[in-house]
Amino acid sequence: MSSPLTRLSHITLQVSNPQRIITDLVTKYRFKPFAARGLDGVAPCQVALRNGKVVFMVNETSQSSALLYDSPVPSPSPDTACNVSYEVEDVPGLSQRLVNQGCGLLVPPTQLHSDAGPVSYCVVKSMLGNVRHTLIDRSRYTATFLPGFQLLEKEDDNGSPGNVTQVDHVTYACPRGTTAQVIDWYNRCLGFQHFPLREGENVNQGFEICGPQIGLRLTPIECPGREDLGKIVMAESLPQQGVNQIDQFLQHHKEGGIQHVGLLTPDILQAAAALTDNGVLFAAQPPGYYNEPQKRAEILRAGFTPQQLSQFGILIDSSPEFQDKKDEIQKILLQVFAEPLFSKNSVYLELIERRGAQGFGEGNIRALWRSMQDMMHDLGQKAQEGAMTQ
């Protein structure tokens, strides 16, 4: 089936201390608040922040039904990313089809009116943990954001620091043995299809990576031709490799959830430098990664130096594509993980730059995995040391 989704609207973070997260997104990640409600304390606080086309909605943890365009995550819940909202064209028709598929609606079709026109939406619970999707029709709405929100900037003020452009992918941590069911739900209900990471890949098997301290199955899905939706990547740990970051995430999100969000940037070096200056901590790589002869040659061939990438822990994966016998085009993928947003086992952000590459390089996956394991271990040690000194 073709997807009923047209574009990704925003990703929601539900947090107990919205001011702290908003401050971090503004001062560290260069997001700009542009719409809000509940700042007077009458309704739950909801603040929308933007960088490029990436919009995060920060919701104050609340069990109130007064949340707009969302439904509260049941208490008790850790700070979490819990909602990927999409724009659609027919909320009543799509919600009925979802109900017919056995989906649960957390919020039935609802319409709000304003001077800028109507907006209709519903909220559907996904197959995975606390992940839900708000489906919004704003095709007849002409204002900058959604009804019920106060704009914090002028209608024509769309300025943004611009170090990221859009959401590249959202990665879900799936309990072992559930990936196939989750993918089936997204295929039947929202039109996502398997995006193989290697030729002949079986959707039920996914892309498995095994080795010392790593056991991971990745299975990406996408809506072909809809780049504005971004990909969804299912991540499931393999049992024979011991406890890892997926398992640690699932200790706090037992039924699964959003583990990280990949943000596309046109210049990862520039973005990483700016964010580092603002206090963002990136996962470091061992010096041997950049000094290995083949990797060093690959870095130089792509137009970088090992020093440029190593100062921020940026990983590179490249593959040649031959147009004919004379011409060779390098497809390059650059990635780096940032520190978790809330706690060491919570959601985190990733910077990713694509130069023709569409997948996720195996070498990058292995190195990213290990770097994040090391970062989480270091954060855990620092937390223990801090507790001991108090």
Protein backbone atom coordinates (compact mmCIF):
# COMPACT_ATOMS: atom_id res chain seq x y z
CA MET A 1 0.00 0.00 0.00
CA SER A 2 1.10 3.59 -0.54
CA SER A 3 1.65 5.55 2.64
CA PRO A 4 -1.07 7.97 3.80
CA LEU A 5 1.64 10.09 5.45
CA THR A 6 2.90 13.23 3.70
CA ARG A 7 5.67 14.58 5.96
CA LEU A 8 7.04 14.36 9.49
CA SER A 9 5.64 17.15 11.64
CA HIS A 10 7.48 16.93 14.96
CA ILE A 11 8.86 14.61 17.64
CA THR A 12 7.60 14.92 21.20
CA LEU A 13 9.69 14.68 24.37
CA GLN A 14 7.74 14.13 27.60
CA VAL A 15 9.83 15.36 30.53
CA SER A 16 9.44 16.14 34.22
CA ASN A 17 11.57 19.30 34.00
CA PRO A 18 10.77 20.98 30.66
CA GLN A 19 12.80 24.09 31.43
CA ARG A 20 16.03 22.12 31.75
CA ILE A 21 15.50 20.24 28.47
CA ILE A 22 14.43 23.40 26.65
CA THR A 23 17.53 25.19 27.95
CA ASP A 24 19.76 22.35 26.72
CA LEU A 25 18.11 22.28 23.28
CA VAL A 26 18.55 26.05 22.98
CA THR A 27 22.01 26.58 24.45
CA LYS A 28 23.67 23.32 23.38
CA TYR A 29 21.87 22.23 20.22
CA ARG A 30 20.90 25.68 18.88
CA PHE A 31 17.17 25.03 18.64
CA LYS A 32 14.88 28.02 18.77
CA PRO A 33 11.55 28.09 20.69
CA PHE A 34 8.87 29.40 18.35
CA ALA A 35 5.48 28.35 19.79
CA ALA A 36 4.19 27.50 23.26
CA ARG A 37 1.17 26.98 25.47
CA GLY A 38 0.72 26.49 29.19
CA LEU A 39 3.38 29.00 30.18
CA ASP A 40 0.80 30.55 32.55
CA GLY A 41 0.43 27.28 34.41
CA VAL A 42 -3.24 26.85 33.48
CA ALA A 43 -2.55 24.00 31.03
CA PRO A 44 0.37 21.56 30.82
CA CYS A 45 3.47 23.26 29.45
CA GLN A 46 4.12 22.48 25.77
CA VAL A 47 6.92 24.25 23.87
CA ALA A 48 7.85 23.74 20.21
CA LEU A 49 11.48 24.31 19.19
CA ARG A 50 12.96 24.35 15.70
CA ASN A 51 16.31 23.94 13.98
CA GLY A 52 16.02 23.78 10.20
CA LYS A 53 13.00 21.55 9.49
CA VAL A 54 13.50 19.60 12.72
CA VAL A 55 10.82 20.37 15.33
CA PHE A 56 10.82 19.01 18.87
CA MET A 57 7.78 19.44 21.09
CA VAL A 58 8.70 19.43 24.78
CA ASN A 59 5.71 18.38 26.91
CA GLU A 60 5.63 18.64 30.67
CA THR A 61 4.90 15.26 32.27
CA SER A 62 1.22 15.33 33.11
CA GLN A 63 -1.75 12.99 33.29
CA SER A 64 -4.03 15.81 32.18
CA SER A 65 -6.22 15.33 29.11
CA ALA A 66 -5.59 19.01 28.36
CA LEU A 67 -2.50 18.17 26.29
CA LEU A 68 -3.00 19.28 22.71
CA TYR A 69 -2.02 17.02 19.79
CA ASP A 70 -0.93 14.25 22.16
CA SER A 71 -1.92 11.90 24.96
CA PRO A 72 0.05 11.61 28.21
CA VAL A 73 2.31 8.61 28.71
CA PRO A 74 0.95 6.58 31.66
CA SER A 75 2.60 7.25 35.00
CA PRO A 76 5.16 6.41 36.24
CA SER A 77 7.31 7.07 33.21
CA PRO A 78 10.90 8.23 32.79
CA ASP A 79 11.69 11.27 30.69
CA THR A 80 11.19 9.96 27.19
CA ALA A 81 10.73 10.60 23.49
CA CYS A 82 7.30 9.18 22.84
CA ASN A 83 5.57 10.61 19.77
CA VAL A 84 6.53 10.93 16.10
CA SER A 85 3.84 13.12 14.54
CA TYR A 86 3.06 13.01 10.83
CA GLU A 87 0.98 15.17 8.53
CA VAL A 88 -1.78 13.41 6.58
CA GLU A 89 -4.63 14.48 4.31
CA ASP A 90 -7.66 12.61 5.71
CA VAL A 91 -7.73 12.18 9.49
CA PRO A 92 -11.28 10.72 9.78
CA GLY A 93 -10.76 8.25 6.93
CA LEU A 94 -7.31 7.18 8.12
CA SER A 95 -8.38 6.84 11.76
CA GLN A 96 -11.29 4.61 10.73
CA ARG A 97 -8.98 2.44 8.67
CA LEU A 98 -6.61 2.15 11.62
CA VAL A 99 -9.46 1.13 13.92
CA ASN A 100 -10.47 -1.49 11.36
CA GLN A 101 -6.89 -2.79 11.55
CA GLY A 102 -7.29 -3.21 15.31
CA CYS A 103 -5.34 -0.11 16.30
CA GLY A 104 -6.16 1.76 19.47
CA LEU A 105 -6.89 5.48 19.22
CA LEU A 106 -5.63 7.42 22.24
CA VAL A 107 -7.37 10.55 20.93
CA PRO A 108 -10.25 10.20 18.42
CA PRO A 109 -10.51 12.51 15.39
CA THR A 110 -10.61 16.05 16.77
CA GLN A 111 -10.92 19.35 14.92
CA LEU A 112 -9.71 22.74 16.12
CA HIS A 113 -10.61 26.04 14.47
CA SER A 114 -8.82 29.36 14.32
CA ASP A 115 -8.70 32.46 12.14
CA ALA A 116 -5.99 30.71 10.09
CA GLY A 117 -8.26 27.77 9.32
CA PRO A 118 -9.08 24.33 10.75
CA VAL A 119 -6.73 21.59 11.88
CA SER A 120 -7.85 18.02 12.56
CA TYR A 121 -5.85 15.30 14.30
CA CYS A 122 -5.98 11.96 16.06
CA VAL A 123 -3.45 10.05 18.17
CA VAL A 124 -2.84 6.36 17.50
CA LYS A 125 -0.92 3.95 19.73
CA SER A 126 1.78 2.02 17.89
CA MET A 127 2.75 -1.62 18.42
CA LEU A 128 5.85 -0.62 20.38
CA GLY A 129 6.00 0.49 23.99
CA ASN A 130 5.03 4.11 24.64
CA VAL A 131 5.46 5.15 21.00
CA ARG A 132 2.42 6.86 19.54
CA HIS A 133 1.75 8.87 16.40
CA THR A 134 -0.25 12.05 16.13
CA LEU A 135 -1.71 12.28 12.62
CA ILE A 136 -2.44 15.88 11.64
CA ASP A 137 -4.30 17.44 8.70
CA ARG A 138 -3.31 21.10 8.41
CA SER A 139 -3.85 21.38 4.64
CA ARG A 140 -6.36 24.23 5.10
CA TYR A 141 -4.42 25.96 7.86
CA THR A 142 -2.25 28.95 6.97
CA ALA A 143 -0.43 29.93 10.18
CA THR A 144 3.08 28.93 11.20
CA PHE A 145 2.24 26.35 13.83
CA LEU A 146 -0.85 24.71 15.28
CA PRO A 147 -4.02 26.24 16.80
CA GLY A 148 -3.88 26.61 20.56
CA PHE A 149 -0.23 27.67 20.59
CA GLN A 150 1.06 31.19 21.08
CA LEU A 151 3.73 32.14 18.56
CA LEU A 152 6.98 33.30 20.13
CA GLU A 153 8.22 34.87 16.89
CA LYS A 154 6.74 36.73 13.96
CA GLU A 155 4.87 34.73 11.30
CA ASP A 156 7.56 35.52 8.72
CA ASP A 157 10.46 34.94 11.11
CA ASN A 158 11.58 31.47 10.09
CA GLY A 159 15.21 32.09 10.89
CA SER A 160 17.10 29.16 12.38
CA PRO A 161 20.73 28.42 13.17
CA GLY A 162 20.48 25.80 10.41
CA ASN A 163 23.12 23.31 11.57
CA VAL A 164 20.62 20.51 10.89
CA THR A 165 18.09 20.27 8.08
CA GLN A 166 15.63 17.45 8.82
CA VAL A 167 15.13 14.16 10.62
CA ASP A 168 17.08 11.44 8.84
CA HIS A 169 15.84 8.50 10.91
CA VAL A 170 14.32 7.51 14.22
CA THR A 171 15.67 4.35 15.87
CA TYR A 172 13.45 2.18 18.06
CA ALA A 173 14.78 -0.21 20.70
CA CYS A 174 12.71 -3.38 20.33
CA PRO A 175 12.44 -6.21 22.87
CA ARG A 176 13.93 -9.43 21.54
CA GLY A 177 11.70 -11.24 19.10
CA THR A 178 9.31 -8.32 18.45
CA THR A 179 10.84 -6.62 15.39
CA ALA A 180 8.82 -8.60 12.83
CA GLN A 181 5.52 -7.73 14.55
CA VAL A 182 6.41 -4.05 14.78
CA ILE A 183 7.39 -3.89 11.09
CA ASP A 184 4.18 -5.67 10.10
CA TRP A 185 2.16 -3.04 11.98
CA TYR A 186 3.94 -0.15 10.27
CA ASN A 187 3.50 -1.81 6.89
CA ARG A 188 -0.23 -2.51 7.29
CA CYS A 189 -1.17 0.72 9.02
CA LEU A 190 1.17 3.43 7.70
CA GLY A 191 2.66 2.01 4.50
CA PHE A 192 6.30 1.62 5.58
CA GLN A 193 8.38 -0.95 3.67
CA HIS A 194 11.61 -2.79 4.38
CA PHE A 195 14.76 -0.87 3.41
CA PRO A 196 17.51 -3.51 3.04
CA LEU A 197 21.01 -2.62 4.19
CA ARG A 198 22.56 -5.25 1.95
CA GLU A 199 21.51 -7.08 -1.19
CA GLY A 200 19.16 -9.99 -0.60
CA GLU A 201 18.51 -9.08 3.04
CA ASN A 202 15.53 -10.89 4.58
CA VAL A 203 13.15 -8.61 6.48
CA ASN A 204 12.72 -11.26 9.20
CA GLN A 205 16.47 -11.61 9.66
CA GLY A 206 17.45 -7.95 9.29
CA PHE A 207 21.08 -6.87 9.29
CA GLU A 208 22.97 -8.69 12.03
CA ILE A 209 26.31 -7.55 13.41
CA CYS A 210 28.15 -9.80 15.83
CA GLY A 211 31.56 -9.57 17.43
CA PRO A 212 33.33 -8.70 20.68
CA GLN A 213 30.97 -6.59 22.80
CA ILE A 214 28.45 -6.20 20.00
CA GLY A 215 25.34 -8.15 19.09
CA LEU A 216 22.81 -6.18 17.11
CA ARG A 217 20.04 -6.69 14.58
CA LEU A 218 19.00 -3.61 12.57
CA THR A 219 15.98 -3.54 10.28
CA PRO A 220 15.20 -0.18 8.64
CA ILE A 221 11.87 0.70 7.04
CA GLU A 222 10.84 3.65 4.89
CA CYS A 223 8.04 5.01 2.73
CA PRO A 224 9.54 5.01 -0.79
CA GLY A 225 9.57 8.45 -2.38
CA ARG A 226 8.73 10.22 0.89
CA GLU A 227 12.08 11.56 2.10
CA ASP A 228 10.36 14.11 4.34
CA LEU A 229 9.14 11.26 6.56
CA GLY A 230 12.60 9.92 7.41
CA LYS A 231 13.36 6.26 7.99
CA ILE A 232 12.53 4.16 11.04
CA VAL A 233 15.23 1.73 12.22
CA MET A 234 14.35 -1.23 14.45
CA ALA A 235 17.23 -2.15 16.76
CA GLU A 236 17.16 -5.45 18.63
CA SER A 237 19.97 -6.94 20.70
CA LEU A 238 21.18 -10.49 20.11
CA PRO A 239 21.07 -12.69 23.23
CA GLN A 240 24.46 -14.35 22.91
CA GLN A 241 26.43 -11.12 23.27
CA GLY A 242 25.48 -10.11 26.82
CA VAL A 243 23.88 -6.91 28.13
CA ASN A 244 24.30 -3.86 25.88
CA GLN A 245 22.86 -0.40 25.31
CA ILE A 246 19.59 -1.72 23.84
CA ASP A 247 19.05 -3.93 26.89
CA GLN A 248 19.95 -1.05 29.21
CA PHE A 249 17.43 1.20 27.46
CA LEU A 250 14.77 -1.51 27.81
CA GLN A 251 15.34 -1.64 31.57
CA HIS A 252 13.66 1.79 31.69
CA HIS A 253 11.36 1.31 28.67
CA LYS A 254 10.42 -2.33 29.16
CA GLU A 255 8.18 -2.59 26.10
CA GLY A 256 10.47 -0.62 23.80
CA GLY A 257 10.67 2.97 22.65
CA ILE A 258 12.58 5.68 20.79
CA GLN A 259 16.30 5.19 21.46
CA HIS A 260 17.82 7.89 19.25
CA VAL A 261 17.02 10.41 16.55
CA GLY A 262 19.36 10.95 13.60
CA LEU A 263 19.49 14.57 12.41
CA LEU A 264 20.68 15.31 8.90
CA THR A 265 23.28 18.07 8.55
CA PRO A 266 24.83 19.54 5.39
CA ASP A 267 28.23 19.96 7.11
CA ILE A 268 28.94 17.62 10.01
CA LEU A 269 32.31 19.19 10.79
CA GLN A 270 30.82 22.65 11.11
CA ALA A 271 27.84 21.38 13.11
CA ALA A 272 29.95 19.28 15.48
CA ALA A 273 32.35 22.17 16.08
CA ALA A 274 29.53 24.59 16.88
CA LEU A 275 27.77 22.14 19.20
CA THR A 276 31.02 21.22 20.96
CA ASP A 277 31.62 24.91 21.62
CA ASN A 278 28.14 25.01 23.17
CA GLY A 279 28.92 22.14 25.53
CA VAL A 280 27.63 19.06 23.68
CA LEU A 281 29.64 15.92 24.43
CA PHE A 282 30.14 13.56 21.49
CA ALA A 283 31.09 9.89 21.71
CA ALA A 284 34.84 9.62 21.15
CA GLN A 285 36.63 7.05 19.01
CA PRO A 286 39.91 5.29 19.85
CA PRO A 287 42.91 6.78 17.98
CA GLY A 288 43.42 3.46 16.21
CA TYR A 289 40.24 4.01 14.21
CA TYR A 290 41.77 7.00 12.40
CA ASN A 291 45.31 5.62 12.23
CA GLU A 292 44.42 2.31 10.59
CA PRO A 293 45.99 2.53 7.08
CA GLN A 294 42.88 1.68 5.06
CA LYS A 295 40.66 4.00 7.10
CA ARG A 296 43.25 6.79 6.89
CA ALA A 297 43.35 6.41 3.09
CA GLU A 298 39.55 6.42 2.97
CA ILE A 299 39.42 9.63 5.00
CA LEU A 300 41.98 11.38 2.80
CA ARG A 301 40.24 10.19 -0.37
CA ALA A 302 37.01 11.77 0.88
CA GLY A 303 38.74 15.13 1.30
CA PHE A 304 39.24 15.13 5.08
CA THR A 305 42.17 14.62 7.41
CA PRO A 306 42.14 12.14 10.29
CA GLN A 307 42.66 15.06 12.68
CA GLN A 308 39.52 16.83 11.44
CA LEU A 309 37.30 13.84 12.15
CA SER A 310 39.01 12.56 15.31
CA GLN A 311 38.58 15.81 17.26
CA PHE A 312 34.81 15.22 17.28
CA GLY A 313 34.72 11.42 17.04
CA ILE A 314 33.16 11.52 13.55
CA LEU A 315 32.99 8.20 11.72
CA ILE A 316 33.19 7.79 7.96
CA ASP A 317 32.01 5.07 5.62
CA SER A 318 32.47 5.31 1.87
CA SER A 319 31.83 3.06 -1.08
CA PRO A 320 32.67 3.60 -4.75
CA GLU A 321 30.00 3.49 -7.42
CA PHE A 322 31.13 3.17 -11.00
CA GLN A 323 29.15 4.98 -13.69
CA ASP A 324 31.45 3.61 -16.34
CA LYS A 325 34.97 2.26 -16.49
CA LYS A 326 36.53 5.71 -16.11
CA ASP A 327 34.32 7.51 -13.63
CA GLU A 328 34.04 6.64 -9.98
CA ILE A 329 31.67 8.37 -7.56
CA GLN A 330 32.30 8.14 -3.82
CA LYS A 331 29.20 7.63 -1.67
CA ILE A 332 30.11 8.96 1.75
CA LEU A 333 28.38 8.62 5.11
CA LEU A 334 29.54 10.59 8.17
CA GLN A 335 28.08 10.04 11.65
CA VAL A 336 28.59 10.85 15.32
CA PHE A 337 26.50 10.25 18.45
CA ALA A 338 25.91 12.92 21.11
CA GLU A 339 25.40 12.33 24.82
CA PRO A 340 21.94 11.17 26.04
CA LEU A 341 19.44 13.97 26.60
CA PHE A 342 18.02 12.91 29.97
CA SER A 343 20.03 10.15 31.62
CA LYS A 344 22.67 7.71 30.45
CA ASN A 345 20.02 5.16 29.33
CA SER A 346 17.70 7.62 27.59
CA VAL A 347 17.21 8.97 24.08
CA TYR A 348 20.09 10.74 22.37
CA LEU A 349 20.73 12.63 19.15
CA GLU A 350 22.97 11.73 16.23
CA LEU A 351 24.46 13.97 13.56
CA ILE A 352 24.59 12.41 10.10
CA GLU A 353 25.85 13.78 6.79
CA ARG A 354 25.07 11.94 3.58
CA ARG A 355 26.95 12.47 0.34
CA GLY A 356 25.04 10.10 -1.90
CA ALA A 357 24.94 7.29 0.69
CA GLN A 358 21.44 6.12 1.62
CA GLY A 359 22.06 3.27 4.05
CA PHE A 360 24.08 2.81 7.24
CA GLY A 361 27.61 1.51 6.75
CA GLU A 362 28.53 -1.67 8.63
CA GLY A 363 31.86 -0.23 9.75
CA ASN A 364 30.12 2.86 11.11
CA ILE A 365 27.52 0.77 12.92
CA ARG A 366 30.18 -1.26 14.72
CA ALA A 367 32.20 1.80 15.72
CA LEU A 368 29.15 3.86 16.71
CA TRP A 369 27.92 1.01 18.87
CA ARG A 370 31.22 0.67 20.70
CA SER A 371 31.65 4.43 21.14
CA MET A 372 28.18 4.73 22.67
CA GLN A 373 28.84 1.76 24.96
CA ASP A 374 32.02 3.50 26.17
CA MET A 375 30.24 6.82 26.66
CA MET A 376 27.42 5.25 28.67
CA HIS A 377 29.96 3.39 30.81
CA ASP A 378 31.85 6.65 31.49
CA LEU A 379 28.62 8.50 32.32
CA GLY A 380 27.66 5.71 34.69
CA GLN A 381 30.99 5.92 36.47
CA LYS A 382 30.75 9.71 36.78
CA ALA A 383 27.23 9.38 38.22
CA GLN A 384 28.49 6.88 40.82
CA GLU A 385 31.44 9.09 41.72
CA GLY A 386 29.11 12.07 42.07
CA ALA A 387 26.81 10.11 44.36
CA MET A 388 29.74 9.02 46.54
CA THR A 389 30.98 12.59 47.02
CA GLN A 390 27.59 13.95 48.06
